[in-house]
């Protein structure tokens, strides 16, 4: 960079003045706005710091900066249309326009958007995987690292961007279940935990968002509304999963909190089952499916972590019902993997309960939850 008082033409890597006089040319390092958990929307003053994580300095044309632009463009023009309820024009506007705008002001959300866009491009163009996969993983690691302390400090000023990021992180963690692995099967602990965080966040700000002109309100109002009794229309007259609740109940250590967790999750399964039997549109079934972790009590995640057979079977039933709506890139093939994985770790005395979900993920089944089955094949 030219000395003070000398016109600098800002050519890179050396300006013309420094090059002509054969002196070192140094530009000041770039500062970028980075999210600070203490910074809320009450203040419009950006926090400046040297950027950390996967984002390098601005690169020349064709470098990583161009790749970032390509990923944002891909999100806006392609990935946004695959998000929840995006068939509704107002909700599609949220995903394709509002979310990118929020992401420019909230770094964890920006990194999640870039990671999801990269993952989507890999699905569509596998030859880009070598370039994009390290970028994808670096961005999602950065987002998770910054998101966790924010969710630990929730209050009435929690921004819409935090809510959106929680939703997209939940989607990403279920997508991760599709990646090949040689490890022994483990239940989707990360997905259950991250997705349950949506409930924690919405409990803090839901009333505020619904009572305001929130930019994400179209998404929150998209039917069926998972929170606030929006699924009551799908409540079955008789619990189709009662047998799961009653089997060997006398020999399992079930306290009141555990019993409530089992009861609430099987009740929710009933909503999804009824909607599926009524041939509700895929977007309805998919939204009910992904409402399961946020609605479920935290205790249910603990029961899955403990590998309680009853909890694992409930989870298998959920994924079996999800098979009907796995025709979207971030969910494809996952129901079969989860049901078969769970079947491999439940004890023999619970294998009878896996008969229904195993048949439901098979070719053209016609089944009922009590275990009876016929095949249309």
Protein backbone atom coordinates (compact mmCIF):
# COMPACT_ATOMS: atom_id res chain seq x y z
CA UNK A 1 0.00 0.00 0.00
CA UNK A 2 1.40 3.40 -1.01
CA UNK A 3 2.88 5.66 1.74
CA UNK A 4 0.65 8.30 3.29
CA UNK A 5 0.15 11.26 0.95
CA UNK A 6 0.73 9.16 -2.17
CA UNK A 7 -2.19 8.06 -4.32
CA UNK A 8 -2.68 4.28 -4.14
CA UNK A 9 -4.36 2.52 -7.06
CA UNK A 10 -5.03 -0.55 -4.78
CA UNK A 11 -3.83 -3.10 -7.31
CA UNK A 12 -3.05 -6.48 -5.84
CA UNK A 13 -0.81 -8.05 -4.68
CA UNK A 14 1.19 -4.78 -5.01
CA UNK A 15 -0.05 -1.33 -5.89
CA UNK A 16 1.69 0.39 -8.83
CA UNK A 17 3.50 2.92 -6.63
CA UNK A 18 5.16 0.32 -4.41
CA UNK A 19 5.98 -1.91 -7.35
CA UNK A 20 7.63 1.01 -9.20
CA UNK A 21 9.76 1.92 -6.17
CA UNK A 22 10.51 -1.70 -5.26
CA UNK A 23 9.20 -1.42 -1.71
CA UNK A 24 7.02 -3.78 0.31
CA UNK A 25 3.29 -3.26 -0.25
CA UNK A 26 1.10 -4.11 2.75
CA UNK A 27 -2.65 -3.81 2.98
CA UNK A 28 -4.47 -3.72 6.32
CA UNK A 29 -6.15 -7.02 7.18
CA UNK A 30 -9.88 -7.15 6.58
CA UNK A 31 -12.29 -7.06 9.52
CA UNK A 32 -15.69 -8.66 9.23
CA UNK A 33 -18.83 -8.54 11.30
CA UNK A 34 -19.08 -11.60 13.50
CA UNK A 35 -21.90 -12.59 15.81
CA UNK A 36 -21.45 -11.91 19.49
CA UNK A 37 -23.88 -13.68 21.90
CA UNK A 38 -24.09 -10.48 23.94
CA UNK A 39 -25.14 -8.51 20.87
CA UNK A 40 -28.91 -8.57 20.36
CA UNK A 41 -31.23 -6.84 17.99
CA UNK A 42 -31.64 -4.04 20.54
CA UNK A 43 -28.36 -2.73 19.21
CA UNK A 44 -27.61 -2.03 15.59
CA UNK A 45 -23.88 -1.54 16.22
CA UNK A 46 -21.94 -4.33 14.49
CA UNK A 47 -19.23 -6.17 16.33
CA UNK A 48 -15.94 -6.23 14.41
CA UNK A 49 -13.23 -8.81 14.82
CA UNK A 50 -10.84 -10.80 12.70
CA UNK A 51 -12.82 -13.68 11.30
CA UNK A 52 -12.25 -17.16 12.59
CA UNK A 53 -13.29 -20.61 11.49
CA UNK A 54 -13.57 -21.70 7.88
CA UNK A 55 -13.76 -18.27 6.21
CA UNK A 56 -10.44 -17.22 4.67
CA UNK A 57 -9.59 -13.70 3.51
CA UNK A 58 -11.21 -12.49 0.30
CA UNK A 59 -9.69 -14.54 -2.52
CA UNK A 60 -9.20 -13.59 -6.16
CA UNK A 61 -11.82 -14.44 -8.76
CA UNK A 62 -12.36 -18.18 -8.87
CA UNK A 63 -11.30 -18.65 -5.24
CA UNK A 64 -13.33 -19.39 -2.12
CA UNK A 65 -15.13 -16.03 -2.14
CA UNK A 66 -16.67 -16.94 -5.50
CA UNK A 67 -17.58 -20.36 -4.12
CA UNK A 68 -19.43 -18.68 -1.25
CA UNK A 69 -21.39 -16.59 -3.73
CA UNK A 70 -22.20 -19.70 -5.73
CA UNK A 71 -23.50 -21.40 -2.59
CA UNK A 72 -25.68 -18.42 -1.67
CA UNK A 73 -26.99 -18.33 -5.24
CA UNK A 74 -27.70 -22.05 -5.09
CA UNK A 75 -29.59 -21.61 -1.82
CA UNK A 76 -31.76 -18.82 -3.23
CA UNK A 77 -32.50 -20.49 -6.57
CA UNK A 78 -32.66 -24.16 -5.58
CA UNK A 79 -32.21 -25.27 -1.96
CA UNK A 80 -34.79 -22.85 -0.50
CA UNK A 81 -37.52 -24.54 -2.53
CA UNK A 82 -36.81 -27.84 -0.74
CA UNK A 83 -37.39 -26.46 2.75
CA UNK A 84 -40.45 -27.06 4.93
CA UNK A 85 -43.73 -25.65 3.53
CA UNK A 86 -41.87 -23.92 0.68
CA UNK A 87 -44.78 -24.76 -1.65
CA UNK A 88 -46.58 -21.82 0.00
CA UNK A 89 -45.43 -18.63 -1.79
CA UNK A 90 -45.13 -16.58 1.39
CA UNK A 91 -43.06 -19.31 3.07
CA UNK A 92 -40.88 -19.73 -0.01
CA UNK A 93 -40.20 -15.99 0.24
CA UNK A 94 -39.04 -16.54 3.81
CA UNK A 95 -36.58 -19.26 2.81
CA UNK A 96 -35.28 -17.67 -0.39
CA UNK A 97 -35.17 -13.97 0.56
CA UNK A 98 -35.68 -13.37 4.28
CA UNK A 99 -33.35 -16.10 5.54
CA UNK A 100 -30.36 -14.96 3.42
CA UNK A 101 -30.94 -11.38 4.59
CA UNK A 102 -30.91 -12.57 8.22
CA UNK A 103 -27.84 -14.67 7.55
CA UNK A 104 -25.79 -11.64 6.52
CA UNK A 105 -26.32 -10.24 10.03
CA UNK A 106 -26.10 -13.50 12.02
CA UNK A 107 -22.99 -15.53 11.32
CA UNK A 108 -24.15 -18.93 12.67
CA UNK A 109 -27.16 -18.83 10.33
CA UNK A 110 -24.95 -17.84 7.39
CA UNK A 111 -22.72 -20.83 8.04
CA UNK A 112 -25.69 -23.19 8.30
CA UNK A 113 -27.11 -21.90 5.02
CA UNK A 114 -23.74 -22.35 3.30
CA UNK A 115 -23.38 -25.88 4.72
CA UNK A 116 -26.86 -26.93 3.58
CA UNK A 117 -26.35 -25.40 0.16
CA UNK A 118 -23.04 -27.27 -0.19
CA UNK A 119 -24.69 -30.53 0.88
CA UNK A 120 -27.46 -30.01 -1.68
CA UNK A 121 -24.97 -29.32 -4.48
CA UNK A 122 -23.09 -32.51 -3.61
CA UNK A 123 -26.33 -34.47 -4.00
CA UNK A 124 -27.03 -32.88 -7.38
CA UNK A 125 -23.40 -32.90 -8.61
CA UNK A 126 -21.39 -35.65 -6.87
CA UNK A 127 -18.26 -34.65 -8.80
CA UNK A 128 -18.13 -31.49 -6.63
CA UNK A 129 -17.93 -33.51 -3.41
CA UNK A 130 -14.15 -33.34 -3.08
CA UNK A 131 -14.26 -29.54 -3.11
CA UNK A 132 -17.46 -28.96 -1.20
CA UNK A 133 -17.50 -31.57 1.56
CA UNK A 134 -14.67 -30.02 3.65
CA UNK A 135 -16.35 -26.62 3.26
CA UNK A 136 -19.70 -28.09 4.27
CA UNK A 137 -18.30 -29.70 7.43
CA UNK A 138 -16.28 -26.64 8.43
CA UNK A 139 -19.27 -24.33 8.17
CA UNK A 140 -21.63 -26.58 10.12
CA UNK A 141 -19.04 -27.09 12.87
CA UNK A 142 -18.66 -23.32 13.13
CA UNK A 143 -22.42 -22.79 13.26
CA UNK A 144 -22.94 -25.38 16.00
CA UNK A 145 -20.05 -23.98 18.02
CA UNK A 146 -21.54 -20.47 17.95
CA UNK A 147 -25.18 -21.57 18.29
CA UNK A 148 -24.82 -23.47 21.58
CA UNK A 149 -23.83 -20.51 23.82
CA UNK A 150 -26.63 -18.42 22.29
CA UNK A 151 -29.29 -20.99 23.21
CA UNK A 152 -27.94 -21.02 26.75
CA UNK A 153 -28.72 -17.29 27.11
CA UNK A 154 -32.25 -17.08 25.74
CA UNK A 155 -34.46 -14.15 26.71
CA UNK A 156 -37.21 -12.02 25.23
CA UNK A 157 -34.78 -10.34 22.86
CA UNK A 158 -33.76 -13.59 21.14
CA UNK A 159 -33.83 -12.88 17.44
CA UNK A 160 -35.75 -14.55 14.63
CA UNK A 161 -32.43 -15.60 13.14
CA UNK A 162 -31.71 -17.79 16.18
CA UNK A 163 -35.05 -19.55 15.67
CA UNK A 164 -34.40 -20.11 11.97
CA UNK A 165 -30.91 -21.39 12.65
CA UNK A 166 -32.25 -23.92 15.16
CA UNK A 167 -34.73 -25.20 12.58
CA UNK A 168 -32.09 -25.52 9.86
CA UNK A 169 -29.60 -27.18 12.21
CA UNK A 170 -32.27 -29.74 13.03
CA UNK A 171 -32.73 -30.43 9.34
CA UNK A 172 -28.98 -30.70 8.80
CA UNK A 173 -28.50 -33.16 11.67
CA UNK A 174 -31.13 -35.50 10.22
CA UNK A 175 -29.51 -35.19 6.79
CA UNK A 176 -26.21 -36.32 8.36
CA UNK A 177 -27.86 -39.69 9.03
CA UNK A 178 -27.72 -40.39 5.29
CA UNK A 179 -23.93 -40.19 5.12
CA UNK A 180 -22.30 -43.63 4.79
CA UNK A 181 -20.47 -44.96 7.83
CA UNK A 182 -18.77 -48.19 8.86
CA UNK A 183 -19.53 -47.61 12.54
CA UNK A 184 -22.06 -49.68 14.45
CA UNK A 185 -25.55 -48.20 14.51
CA UNK A 186 -26.29 -45.52 17.09
CA UNK A 187 -29.71 -43.87 17.49
CA UNK A 188 -30.01 -40.24 16.26
CA UNK A 189 -29.08 -38.59 19.55
CA UNK A 190 -27.76 -35.40 17.94
CA UNK A 191 -30.91 -34.87 15.87
CA UNK A 192 -33.20 -35.41 18.87
CA UNK A 193 -31.16 -33.02 21.02
CA UNK A 194 -30.74 -30.25 18.43
CA UNK A 195 -34.36 -30.47 17.27
CA UNK A 196 -35.62 -30.37 20.85
CA UNK A 197 -33.81 -27.04 21.13
CA UNK A 198 -36.42 -25.58 18.76
CA UNK A 199 -38.99 -26.06 21.50
CA UNK A 200 -36.78 -24.31 24.04
CA UNK A 201 -36.30 -21.31 21.77
CA UNK A 202 -39.92 -21.04 20.65
CA UNK A 203 -41.18 -21.27 24.24
CA UNK A 204 -39.16 -18.12 24.89
CA UNK A 205 -40.22 -16.06 21.88
CA UNK A 206 -43.24 -17.77 20.25
CA UNK A 207 -45.83 -15.38 21.69
CA UNK A 208 -43.70 -12.41 20.78
CA UNK A 209 -43.21 -13.60 17.18
CA UNK A 210 -46.86 -14.48 16.66
CA UNK A 211 -48.01 -11.16 18.05
CA UNK A 212 -45.70 -9.06 15.90
CA UNK A 213 -44.92 -8.44 12.25
CA UNK A 214 -42.18 -11.07 12.38
CA UNK A 215 -40.60 -11.83 9.01
CA UNK A 216 -40.82 -15.58 9.71
CA UNK A 217 -44.47 -15.48 10.76
CA UNK A 218 -45.67 -17.03 7.44
CA UNK A 219 -43.61 -20.12 8.27
CA UNK A 220 -44.92 -20.31 11.83
CA UNK A 221 -48.51 -19.97 10.57
CA UNK A 222 -48.15 -22.59 7.83
CA UNK A 223 -50.58 -25.43 8.45
CA UNK A 224 -50.54 -27.78 10.13
CA UNK A 225 -49.36 -25.77 13.12
CA UNK A 226 -47.44 -28.21 15.29
CA UNK A 227 -47.62 -26.01 18.38
CA UNK A 228 -50.73 -24.69 20.08
CA UNK A 229 -53.14 -27.58 19.40
CA UNK A 230 -52.87 -27.36 15.62
CA UNK A 231 -52.80 -31.16 15.28
CA UNK A 232 -55.96 -31.92 17.27
CA UNK A 233 -57.81 -32.62 14.01
CA UNK A 234 -55.62 -35.71 13.60
CA UNK A 235 -56.22 -37.16 17.05
CA UNK A 236 -57.35 -40.78 16.63
CA UNK A 237 -60.44 -41.99 18.55
CA UNK A 238 -58.38 -44.89 19.94
CA UNK A 239 -54.63 -44.91 20.55
CA UNK A 240 -53.25 -47.22 17.83
CA UNK A 241 -50.01 -47.67 19.76
CA UNK A 242 -51.43 -48.65 23.14
CA UNK A 243 -49.77 -52.07 22.97
CA UNK A 244 -46.35 -50.41 23.08
CA UNK A 245 -47.29 -48.62 26.29
CA UNK A 246 -48.65 -51.71 28.02
CA UNK A 247 -46.09 -54.38 27.10
CA UNK A 248 -43.92 -55.44 30.10
CA UNK A 249 -44.82 -52.24 31.87
CA UNK A 250 -44.66 -53.97 35.23
CA UNK A 251 -40.99 -54.97 34.85
CA UNK A 252 -39.61 -51.65 33.60
CA UNK A 253 -38.63 -48.92 36.03
CA UNK A 254 -41.21 -46.31 34.97
CA UNK A 255 -41.62 -43.26 37.16
CA UNK A 256 -44.18 -40.54 36.51
CA UNK A 257 -41.90 -38.47 34.26
CA UNK A 258 -40.98 -41.51 32.18
CA UNK A 259 -44.60 -42.59 31.86
CA UNK A 260 -45.53 -39.10 30.65
CA UNK A 261 -42.75 -39.16 28.07
CA UNK A 262 -43.97 -42.47 26.67
CA UNK A 263 -47.58 -41.31 26.69
CA UNK A 264 -46.90 -37.99 24.94
CA UNK A 265 -44.74 -39.53 22.22
CA UNK A 266 -47.18 -42.32 21.37
CA UNK A 267 -50.00 -39.77 21.33
CA UNK A 268 -48.02 -37.72 18.82
CA UNK A 269 -47.40 -40.84 16.73
CA UNK A 270 -51.17 -41.21 16.61
CA UNK A 271 -51.48 -37.79 14.93
CA UNK A 272 -48.95 -38.76 12.27
CA UNK A 273 -50.55 -42.16 11.75
CA UNK A 274 -54.04 -40.67 11.36
CA UNK A 275 -52.80 -38.05 8.91
CA UNK A 276 -50.99 -40.74 6.94
CA UNK A 277 -54.06 -42.98 6.81
CA UNK A 278 -56.11 -40.00 5.59
CA UNK A 279 -53.62 -39.53 2.72
CA UNK A 280 -52.78 -35.99 3.75
CA UNK A 281 -50.32 -34.22 1.39
CA UNK A 282 -46.63 -34.97 1.81
CA UNK A 283 -45.85 -31.51 3.14
CA UNK A 284 -48.39 -32.03 5.94
CA UNK A 285 -46.95 -35.41 6.91
CA UNK A 286 -43.40 -34.13 6.72
CA UNK A 287 -44.14 -31.19 8.99
CA UNK A 288 -45.83 -33.46 11.55
CA UNK A 289 -42.89 -35.87 11.40
CA UNK A 290 -40.32 -33.16 12.06
CA UNK A 291 -42.44 -31.72 14.85
CA UNK A 292 -41.83 -34.89 16.89
CA UNK A 293 -38.50 -33.97 18.58
CA UNK A 294 -39.50 -30.39 19.52
CA UNK A 295 -42.83 -31.58 20.94
CA UNK A 296 -41.41 -34.60 22.78
CA UNK A 297 -40.34 -34.17 26.41
CA UNK A 298 -36.61 -34.00 27.07
CA UNK A 299 -37.02 -37.18 29.06
CA UNK A 300 -37.76 -39.11 25.86
CA UNK A 301 -34.33 -38.21 24.44
CA UNK A 302 -32.81 -39.44 27.70
CA UNK A 303 -34.70 -42.73 27.35
CA UNK A 304 -33.36 -43.20 23.82
CA UNK A 305 -29.86 -42.42 25.11
CA UNK A 306 -30.37 -45.11 27.75
CA UNK A 307 -31.48 -47.44 24.94
CA UNK A 308 -34.74 -48.28 26.64
CA UNK A 309 -36.44 -50.74 24.26
CA UNK A 310 -39.83 -49.01 24.51
CA UNK A 311 -38.32 -45.66 23.51
CA UNK A 312 -36.38 -47.24 20.64
CA UNK A 313 -39.52 -48.90 19.30
CA UNK A 314 -41.42 -45.60 19.45
CA UNK A 315 -38.58 -44.03 17.45
CA UNK A 316 -38.73 -46.88 14.93
CA UNK A 317 -42.48 -46.32 14.48
CA UNK A 318 -41.83 -42.62 13.86
CA UNK A 319 -39.28 -43.31 11.13
CA UNK A 320 -41.47 -46.01 9.59
CA UNK A 321 -44.26 -43.45 9.22
CA UNK A 322 -41.70 -41.04 7.77
CA UNK A 323 -40.95 -43.45 4.92
CA UNK A 324 -43.94 -42.04 3.05
CA UNK A 325 -42.29 -38.60 2.80
CA UNK A 326 -38.61 -39.39 2.28
CA UNK A 327 -38.60 -38.14 -1.32
CA UNK A 328 -36.66 -34.98 -0.51
CA UNK A 329 -32.86 -34.86 -0.73
CA UNK A 330 -32.18 -34.23 2.96
CA UNK A 331 -34.34 -37.16 4.15
CA UNK A 332 -34.01 -39.74 1.38
CA UNK A 333 -33.19 -43.26 2.57
CA UNK A 334 -33.06 -42.31 6.23
CA UNK A 335 -36.28 -44.03 7.45
CA UNK A 336 -35.10 -47.44 6.24
CA UNK A 337 -31.67 -46.97 7.79
CA UNK A 338 -33.11 -45.97 11.16
CA UNK A 339 -35.74 -48.71 11.35
CA UNK A 340 -33.26 -51.42 10.42
CA UNK A 341 -30.65 -49.97 12.75
CA UNK A 342 -33.06 -49.95 15.68
CA UNK A 343 -34.16 -53.49 14.87
CA UNK A 344 -30.54 -54.54 15.23
CA UNK A 345 -30.21 -53.23 18.80
CA UNK A 346 -33.59 -53.95 20.44
CA UNK A 347 -33.62 -57.08 22.62
CA UNK A 348 -35.31 -60.24 21.37
CA UNK A 349 -38.34 -59.82 23.62
CA UNK A 350 -39.20 -56.61 21.74
CA UNK A 351 -38.73 -57.97 18.21
CA UNK A 352 -42.49 -58.50 17.85
CA UNK A 353 -42.98 -54.74 18.06
CA UNK A 354 -40.57 -54.20 15.13
CA UNK A 355 -42.69 -56.31 12.78
CA UNK A 356 -44.90 -53.36 11.83
CA UNK A 357 -42.22 -50.73 11.16
CA UNK A 358 -40.09 -53.24 9.20
CA UNK A 359 -43.04 -54.05 6.97
CA UNK A 360 -43.92 -50.39 6.57
CA UNK A 361 -40.53 -49.62 5.02
CA UNK A 362 -40.76 -52.62 2.70
CA UNK A 363 -42.12 -52.59 -0.85
CA UNK A 364 -45.86 -51.68 -1.03
CA UNK A 365 -46.98 -52.75 2.46
CA UNK A 366 -50.50 -52.47 3.82
CA UNK A 367 -50.19 -52.66 7.59
CA UNK A 368 -51.83 -51.74 10.86
CA UNK A 369 -49.92 -50.95 14.05
CA UNK A 370 -51.26 -53.95 15.97
CA UNK A 371 -48.97 -56.22 13.98
CA UNK A 372 -51.33 -57.59 11.34
CA UNK A 373 -50.18 -57.17 7.79
CA UNK A 374 -51.07 -57.89 4.23
CA UNK A 375 -49.06 -57.04 1.16
CA UNK A 376 -50.23 -55.41 -2.01
CA UNK A 377 -47.13 -56.66 -3.83
